[in-house]
């Protein structure tokens, strides 16, 4: 068993690191955090530099890690401009790929995934948005919340209910559709004042009698839940990489802080213990993330392992932030460390809360017990 990534991937890591250090300047990081603008010009540079590619997902994974190590907000915004593309890659028709997927992968369009609602986040089967057949296609009505890229995306991969749920199988009757932002009846509103990740575009979107053509239905009618769950198995390893990168960035800042302190401070027992704990936590999170990614990228995903990686890496990012804040103390307030502290929190929430990940893990373990019986 090799614990080393291929040379090509490590070269991409170095390029990504250098790119982020060069382009994510202190001034730009502060600007996007304060104004909450979308970093579109940097996104274009990321595409021009060739970092966004589906040919080798490992390159995307380490780029996510290194970008978020410098700044999670800008890093995620630029890479998540292709958010949801795996859905069409796996389930889209040739026509859908030609119209939506390929332009997105070229940087010509921006995509988004619209699942979460005011009353249904982690409980995907509980969504209430409706998409119903009509003579001209499908009519969509509903309300989505906290949608990444909501006001800048050209199209959404949207999950809505096409048939009433049954008590036994609530996840049945959900259908996935491609919905364009500029269609009549689509009304996105940018959400501001977020705790962290302010460079990311987040929106509340209402859909009022939106006409969706038949050719924009993805996969089989009523099977959208399974498509979204497959996608989450992929996207969660990238969130885990985001968490690892954020944690590593916090460690970088802590080491910079300690380098300016007297040796007597660095040699204090509690500081040394903290450094050892932080470094170990990050290494463990990175290893479980890479193991889960290896499964996903070889088309043999392990849902339990993916959830372990997402849950653990997110917990580590937040734990590392807490430890670092205690060492730095009041000097951390208003610093870049304080920003990464804020940015880390969302990793415990989006793409499945830590509690949801624990439920997935336990269910998969119990399922194995039943198989043994």
Protein backbone atom coordinates (compact mmCIF):
# COMPACT_ATOMS: atom_id res chain seq x y z
CA UNK A 1 0.00 0.00 0.00
CA UNK A 2 1.42 3.38 -1.05
CA UNK A 3 0.73 6.53 0.94
CA UNK A 4 2.26 8.76 -1.72
CA UNK A 5 0.27 10.53 -4.40
CA UNK A 6 1.50 10.39 -8.02
CA UNK A 7 4.12 12.96 -9.04
CA UNK A 8 1.64 14.70 -11.35
CA UNK A 9 -0.73 15.30 -8.44
CA UNK A 10 2.04 16.61 -6.19
CA UNK A 11 3.15 18.96 -8.96
CA UNK A 12 -0.43 20.23 -9.20
CA UNK A 13 -0.39 20.75 -5.44
CA UNK A 14 2.71 22.93 -5.72
CA UNK A 15 1.23 24.92 -8.58
CA UNK A 16 -2.01 25.41 -6.65
CA UNK A 17 -0.12 26.53 -3.56
CA UNK A 18 1.93 29.05 -5.52
CA UNK A 19 -1.12 30.29 -7.41
CA UNK A 20 -3.09 30.87 -4.22
CA UNK A 21 -0.21 32.64 -2.47
CA UNK A 22 0.22 34.89 -5.51
CA UNK A 23 -3.41 35.61 -6.39
CA UNK A 24 -5.20 35.47 -3.02
CA UNK A 25 -3.56 38.60 -1.69
CA UNK A 26 -4.20 40.00 1.76
CA UNK A 27 -6.02 42.95 0.20
CA UNK A 28 -8.30 40.74 -1.92
CA UNK A 29 -9.05 38.36 0.95
CA UNK A 30 -10.12 41.30 3.12
CA UNK A 31 -12.04 42.89 0.24
CA UNK A 32 -14.18 39.84 -0.53
CA UNK A 33 -14.76 39.12 3.15
CA UNK A 34 -15.98 42.67 3.75
CA UNK A 35 -17.97 43.26 0.55
CA UNK A 36 -19.18 39.65 0.08
CA UNK A 37 -18.66 40.06 -3.67
CA UNK A 38 -18.14 36.99 -5.87
CA UNK A 39 -14.48 36.69 -7.01
CA UNK A 40 -15.29 36.18 -10.68
CA UNK A 41 -12.00 37.53 -12.06
CA UNK A 42 -10.01 35.11 -9.91
CA UNK A 43 -12.35 32.32 -11.02
CA UNK A 44 -11.41 33.05 -14.62
CA UNK A 45 -7.73 32.92 -13.76
CA UNK A 46 -8.24 29.53 -12.08
CA UNK A 47 -9.75 28.18 -15.32
CA UNK A 48 -7.00 29.71 -17.44
CA UNK A 49 -4.41 28.04 -15.20
CA UNK A 50 -6.04 24.63 -15.84
CA UNK A 51 -6.89 23.77 -12.24
CA UNK A 52 -10.48 22.77 -12.97
CA UNK A 53 -10.56 19.47 -14.77
CA UNK A 54 -12.51 16.22 -14.53
CA UNK A 55 -9.77 14.16 -16.17
CA UNK A 56 -7.95 13.66 -12.87
CA UNK A 57 -10.11 14.35 -9.79
CA UNK A 58 -7.06 14.05 -7.54
CA UNK A 59 -5.77 17.29 -9.06
CA UNK A 60 -9.03 19.00 -8.11
CA UNK A 61 -8.86 17.55 -4.58
CA UNK A 62 -5.35 18.79 -3.77
CA UNK A 63 -6.14 22.13 -5.42
CA UNK A 64 -9.13 22.47 -3.09
CA UNK A 65 -6.89 21.68 -0.14
CA UNK A 66 -4.18 24.17 -1.10
CA UNK A 67 -6.57 26.95 -2.11
CA UNK A 68 -8.47 26.67 1.19
CA UNK A 69 -5.17 26.60 3.05
CA UNK A 70 -4.62 30.19 1.89
CA UNK A 71 -8.25 31.35 1.89
CA UNK A 72 -11.30 29.07 2.09
CA UNK A 73 -13.74 31.69 0.81
CA UNK A 74 -11.96 32.56 -2.43
CA UNK A 75 -10.68 29.02 -2.83
CA UNK A 76 -14.07 27.38 -2.66
CA UNK A 77 -15.80 30.07 -4.74
CA UNK A 78 -13.49 29.56 -7.68
CA UNK A 79 -13.55 25.76 -7.66
CA UNK A 80 -17.26 25.42 -6.84
CA UNK A 81 -18.19 27.23 -10.03
CA UNK A 82 -18.58 23.72 -11.49
CA UNK A 83 -20.61 22.52 -8.50
CA UNK A 84 -22.85 19.61 -9.43
CA UNK A 85 -21.15 18.80 -12.73
CA UNK A 86 -20.70 15.19 -11.66
CA UNK A 87 -24.49 14.84 -11.83
CA UNK A 88 -24.52 15.37 -15.58
CA UNK A 89 -21.29 13.48 -16.05
CA UNK A 90 -22.92 10.38 -14.55
CA UNK A 91 -26.60 10.79 -15.45
CA UNK A 92 -26.93 13.46 -18.13
CA UNK A 93 -27.93 12.90 -21.75
CA UNK A 94 -25.58 13.85 -24.56
CA UNK A 95 -27.74 16.90 -25.25
CA UNK A 96 -27.66 17.99 -21.58
CA UNK A 97 -23.90 17.59 -21.44
CA UNK A 98 -23.46 19.61 -24.63
CA UNK A 99 -25.70 22.44 -23.44
CA UNK A 100 -24.78 22.64 -19.75
CA UNK A 101 -21.83 20.47 -18.71
CA UNK A 102 -19.15 21.25 -21.28
CA UNK A 103 -19.60 25.05 -21.19
CA UNK A 104 -19.36 24.89 -17.40
CA UNK A 105 -16.14 22.87 -17.51
CA UNK A 106 -14.71 25.47 -19.92
CA UNK A 107 -15.50 28.27 -17.49
CA UNK A 108 -18.16 29.74 -19.76
CA UNK A 109 -21.02 28.96 -17.35
CA UNK A 110 -21.46 28.54 -13.60
CA UNK A 111 -23.56 25.76 -12.06
CA UNK A 112 -25.22 25.22 -8.69
CA UNK A 113 -27.06 22.49 -6.76
CA UNK A 114 -30.45 23.48 -5.35
CA UNK A 115 -31.63 20.98 -2.74
CA UNK A 116 -31.84 22.69 0.67
CA UNK A 117 -35.10 24.37 1.69
CA UNK A 118 -36.15 26.44 4.72
CA UNK A 119 -37.80 23.35 6.23
CA UNK A 120 -35.60 20.63 4.75
CA UNK A 121 -31.82 20.68 4.86
CA UNK A 122 -30.29 17.46 6.07
CA UNK A 123 -33.64 15.69 5.58
CA UNK A 124 -33.54 15.64 1.78
CA UNK A 125 -36.64 13.45 1.59
CA UNK A 126 -38.60 16.19 3.35
CA UNK A 127 -38.36 18.81 0.61
CA UNK A 128 -41.66 20.35 -0.45
CA UNK A 129 -40.86 22.08 -3.76
CA UNK A 130 -43.13 20.67 -6.46
CA UNK A 131 -42.48 19.86 -10.10
CA UNK A 132 -45.55 18.65 -11.97
CA UNK A 133 -46.18 17.52 -15.52
CA UNK A 134 -48.03 19.81 -17.91
CA UNK A 135 -48.83 19.84 -21.61
CA UNK A 136 -45.72 21.90 -22.37
CA UNK A 137 -43.32 20.19 -19.98
CA UNK A 138 -43.07 20.55 -16.21
CA UNK A 139 -44.21 23.32 -13.85
CA UNK A 140 -41.94 24.08 -10.90
CA UNK A 141 -43.00 25.85 -7.71
CA UNK A 142 -40.96 26.01 -4.56
CA UNK A 143 -38.47 27.69 -2.28
CA UNK A 144 -34.76 26.91 -1.89
CA UNK A 145 -32.42 28.27 0.77
CA UNK A 146 -28.65 28.65 1.30
CA UNK A 147 -27.86 27.79 -2.33
CA UNK A 148 -24.18 28.18 -3.18
CA UNK A 149 -23.73 30.22 -6.41
CA UNK A 150 -27.44 31.06 -6.21
CA UNK A 151 -27.27 34.52 -7.81
CA UNK A 152 -24.30 33.91 -10.13
CA UNK A 153 -25.08 30.44 -11.51
CA UNK A 154 -26.37 30.09 -15.05
CA UNK A 155 -28.27 26.93 -14.10
CA UNK A 156 -29.23 24.84 -11.09
CA UNK A 157 -29.44 21.08 -10.63
CA UNK A 158 -32.65 21.19 -8.65
CA UNK A 159 -34.45 18.48 -6.69
CA UNK A 160 -38.24 18.72 -6.33
CA UNK A 161 -41.13 16.44 -5.50
CA UNK A 162 -42.96 15.02 -8.51
CA UNK A 163 -45.17 12.59 -6.56
CA UNK A 164 -46.50 12.45 -2.99
CA UNK A 165 -44.26 10.55 -0.55
CA UNK A 166 -45.33 7.29 0.99
CA UNK A 167 -44.91 6.59 4.70
CA UNK A 168 -42.59 3.66 3.97
CA UNK A 169 -40.44 5.33 1.30
CA UNK A 170 -40.37 9.10 1.73
CA UNK A 171 -37.39 9.43 -0.61
CA UNK A 172 -39.40 8.14 -3.57
CA UNK A 173 -41.12 10.59 -5.92
CA UNK A 174 -38.30 13.13 -6.12
CA UNK A 175 -37.16 14.27 -9.55
CA UNK A 176 -34.03 16.15 -10.60
CA UNK A 177 -34.21 18.93 -13.19
CA UNK A 178 -31.90 21.50 -14.78
CA UNK A 179 -33.34 24.97 -14.20
CA UNK A 180 -31.86 28.11 -15.74
CA UNK A 181 -31.55 31.15 -13.51
CA UNK A 182 -32.83 33.63 -16.10
CA UNK A 183 -36.10 31.78 -16.79
CA UNK A 184 -39.37 33.50 -15.91
CA UNK A 185 -40.41 32.81 -12.34
CA UNK A 186 -36.90 32.19 -10.97
CA UNK A 187 -36.12 34.76 -8.27
CA UNK A 188 -32.76 34.49 -6.47
CA UNK A 189 -31.87 36.86 -3.62
CA UNK A 190 -28.32 37.07 -2.29
CA UNK A 191 -27.87 36.36 1.42
CA UNK A 192 -25.45 38.64 3.24
CA UNK A 193 -23.98 38.89 6.70
CA UNK A 194 -22.81 35.27 6.90
CA UNK A 195 -20.52 34.16 9.71
CA UNK A 196 -17.83 33.00 7.29
CA UNK A 197 -17.11 32.03 3.67
CA UNK A 198 -18.35 35.47 2.63
CA UNK A 199 -16.66 35.31 -0.77
CA UNK A 200 -19.02 32.49 -1.70
CA UNK A 201 -22.31 33.51 -3.26
CA UNK A 202 -25.23 32.20 -1.22
CA UNK A 203 -28.88 32.76 -2.08
CA UNK A 204 -32.50 32.20 -1.24
CA UNK A 205 -34.45 31.31 -4.40
CA UNK A 206 -38.16 31.15 -5.09
CA UNK A 207 -39.65 29.42 -8.11
CA UNK A 208 -43.09 30.53 -9.27
CA UNK A 209 -44.73 28.56 -12.08
CA UNK A 210 -41.41 27.98 -13.83
CA UNK A 211 -41.77 26.05 -17.08
CA UNK A 212 -39.12 23.30 -17.30
CA UNK A 213 -38.77 21.54 -20.68
CA UNK A 214 -39.01 17.75 -20.75
CA UNK A 215 -35.44 17.50 -21.99
CA UNK A 216 -34.20 19.15 -18.77
CA UNK A 217 -35.21 16.25 -16.53
CA UNK A 218 -32.09 14.40 -15.37
CA UNK A 219 -32.26 10.62 -15.12
CA UNK A 220 -35.45 8.77 -14.40
CA UNK A 221 -38.54 10.54 -13.09
CA UNK A 222 -38.97 9.95 -9.35
CA UNK A 223 -35.37 8.73 -8.87
CA UNK A 224 -33.77 12.08 -8.08
CA UNK A 225 -33.01 11.17 -4.47
CA UNK A 226 -30.62 8.41 -5.57
CA UNK A 227 -28.86 10.75 -7.99
CA UNK A 228 -28.34 13.37 -5.29
CA UNK A 229 -27.06 10.79 -2.78
CA UNK A 230 -24.56 9.56 -5.35
CA UNK A 231 -23.44 13.13 -5.90
CA UNK A 232 -23.06 13.73 -2.16
CA UNK A 233 -20.75 10.72 -1.97
CA UNK A 234 -18.50 12.60 -4.36
CA UNK A 235 -18.88 16.15 -3.09
CA UNK A 236 -18.28 15.24 0.54
CA UNK A 237 -14.67 14.25 -0.10
CA UNK A 238 -14.08 17.73 -1.50
CA UNK A 239 -15.61 19.29 1.61
CA UNK A 240 -13.29 17.08 3.66
CA UNK A 241 -10.36 18.42 1.60
CA UNK A 242 -11.64 21.95 2.22
CA UNK A 243 -11.57 21.21 5.96
CA UNK A 244 -8.07 19.76 5.82
CA UNK A 245 -6.82 22.79 3.90
CA UNK A 246 -8.46 25.19 6.36
CA UNK A 247 -6.93 23.35 9.32
CA UNK A 248 -3.50 23.39 7.67
CA UNK A 249 -3.87 27.11 7.02
CA UNK A 250 -4.64 27.68 10.70
CA UNK A 251 -1.50 25.74 11.64
CA UNK A 252 0.52 27.85 9.19
CA UNK A 253 -0.70 31.03 10.88
CA UNK A 254 -0.02 29.63 14.34
CA UNK A 255 3.55 28.76 13.36
CA UNK A 256 4.04 32.28 11.98
CA UNK A 257 2.80 33.67 15.29
CA UNK A 258 5.08 31.42 17.34
CA UNK A 259 8.10 32.27 15.19
CA UNK A 260 7.83 35.86 16.41
CA UNK A 261 7.63 34.86 20.08
CA UNK A 262 10.59 34.21 22.41
CA UNK A 263 11.91 30.65 22.51
CA UNK A 264 10.77 30.42 26.12
CA UNK A 265 7.16 30.82 24.97
CA UNK A 266 7.47 28.17 22.25
CA UNK A 267 9.03 25.79 24.75
CA UNK A 268 6.15 26.03 27.19
CA UNK A 269 4.67 22.58 27.70
CA UNK A 270 1.08 23.49 26.81
CA UNK A 271 2.21 25.11 23.54
CA UNK A 272 4.23 22.03 22.55
CA UNK A 273 1.35 19.73 23.46
CA UNK A 274 -1.01 21.86 21.38
CA UNK A 275 1.27 21.77 18.34
CA UNK A 276 1.60 18.00 18.61
CA UNK A 277 -2.18 17.58 18.91
CA UNK A 278 -2.95 19.91 15.99
CA UNK A 279 -0.40 18.30 13.69
CA UNK A 280 -1.63 14.81 14.50
CA UNK A 281 -5.27 15.75 13.98
CA UNK A 282 -4.54 17.28 10.57
CA UNK A 283 -2.50 14.30 9.43
CA UNK A 284 -5.24 11.89 10.50
CA UNK A 285 -7.90 13.98 8.73
CA UNK A 286 -5.82 14.14 5.55
CA UNK A 287 -5.29 10.38 5.53
CA UNK A 288 -8.94 9.47 5.99
CA UNK A 289 -9.89 12.05 3.34
CA UNK A 290 -7.46 10.56 0.83
CA UNK A 291 -8.62 7.03 1.60
CA UNK A 292 -12.27 8.01 1.02
CA UNK A 293 -11.30 9.87 -2.15
CA UNK A 294 -9.40 6.84 -3.45
CA UNK A 295 -12.59 4.80 -3.14
CA UNK A 296 -14.71 7.44 -4.86
CA UNK A 297 -12.26 8.13 -7.66
CA UNK A 298 -11.93 4.41 -8.44
CA UNK A 299 -15.75 4.15 -8.83
CA UNK A 300 -16.00 2.08 -5.66
CA UNK A 301 -17.38 4.56 -3.09
CA UNK A 302 -17.80 3.61 0.53
CA UNK A 303 -20.60 5.84 1.93
CA UNK A 304 -19.55 5.17 5.52
CA UNK A 305 -15.93 6.08 4.82
CA UNK A 306 -16.94 9.18 2.88
CA UNK A 307 -19.11 10.33 5.80
CA UNK A 308 -16.29 9.55 8.23
CA UNK A 309 -13.93 11.74 6.20
CA UNK A 310 -16.37 14.64 5.90
CA UNK A 311 -17.42 14.51 9.55
CA UNK A 312 -13.95 13.99 11.01
CA UNK A 313 -12.14 16.54 8.84
CA UNK A 314 -14.77 19.18 9.64
CA UNK A 315 -14.49 18.47 13.35
CA UNK A 316 -10.70 18.70 13.10
CA UNK A 317 -10.84 22.08 11.32
CA UNK A 318 -12.97 23.50 14.11
CA UNK A 319 -10.98 21.85 16.87
CA UNK A 320 -7.71 23.16 15.44
CA UNK A 321 -9.22 26.66 15.21
CA UNK A 322 -10.24 26.52 18.89
CA UNK A 323 -6.83 25.36 20.05
CA UNK A 324 -4.99 27.98 17.99
CA UNK A 325 -7.27 30.74 19.27
CA UNK A 326 -6.50 29.81 22.87
CA UNK A 327 -2.75 30.02 22.24
CA UNK A 328 -2.85 33.32 20.36
CA UNK A 329 -5.45 34.86 22.64
CA UNK A 330 -6.77 38.39 22.15
CA UNK A 331 -4.29 38.99 19.31
CA UNK A 332 -6.32 36.58 17.18
CA UNK A 333 -9.32 38.92 17.11
CA UNK A 334 -9.57 40.75 13.80
CA UNK A 335 -6.68 38.74 12.34
CA UNK A 336 -6.60 36.23 9.49
CA UNK A 337 -6.77 33.51 12.13
CA UNK A 338 -10.12 34.92 13.24
CA UNK A 339 -11.33 34.77 9.62
CA UNK A 340 -10.29 31.11 9.22
CA UNK A 341 -11.99 30.41 12.55
CA UNK A 342 -15.24 31.74 11.04
CA UNK A 343 -14.70 29.98 7.72
CA UNK A 344 -14.17 26.61 9.41
CA UNK A 345 -17.62 26.47 11.03
CA UNK A 346 -19.61 25.84 7.85
CA UNK A 347 -17.76 22.60 7.15
CA UNK A 348 -19.72 21.01 10.00
CA UNK A 349 -22.99 22.01 8.34
CA UNK A 350 -23.08 21.93 4.54
CA UNK A 351 -23.09 18.76 2.44
CA UNK A 352 -24.59 17.00 5.45
CA UNK A 353 -24.20 18.08 9.08
CA UNK A 354 -21.85 16.17 11.34
CA UNK A 355 -24.90 14.57 12.96
CA UNK A 356 -26.18 13.35 9.58
CA UNK A 357 -22.75 11.92 8.75
CA UNK A 358 -22.79 10.02 12.05
CA UNK A 359 -26.19 8.57 11.18
CA UNK A 360 -24.91 7.43 7.78
CA UNK A 361 -21.89 5.81 9.41
CA UNK A 362 -23.92 3.98 12.05
CA UNK A 363 -26.52 2.78 9.53
CA UNK A 364 -23.83 1.35 7.26
CA UNK A 365 -22.22 -0.43 10.22
CA UNK A 366 -25.58 -1.87 11.37
CA UNK A 367 -26.30 -2.95 7.83
CA UNK A 368 -23.16 -5.07 7.88
CA UNK A 369 -24.35 -6.72 11.09
CA UNK A 370 -27.64 -7.65 9.38
CA UNK A 371 -25.73 -9.06 6.40
CA UNK A 372 -23.69 -11.28 8.74
CA UNK A 373 -26.90 -12.64 10.28
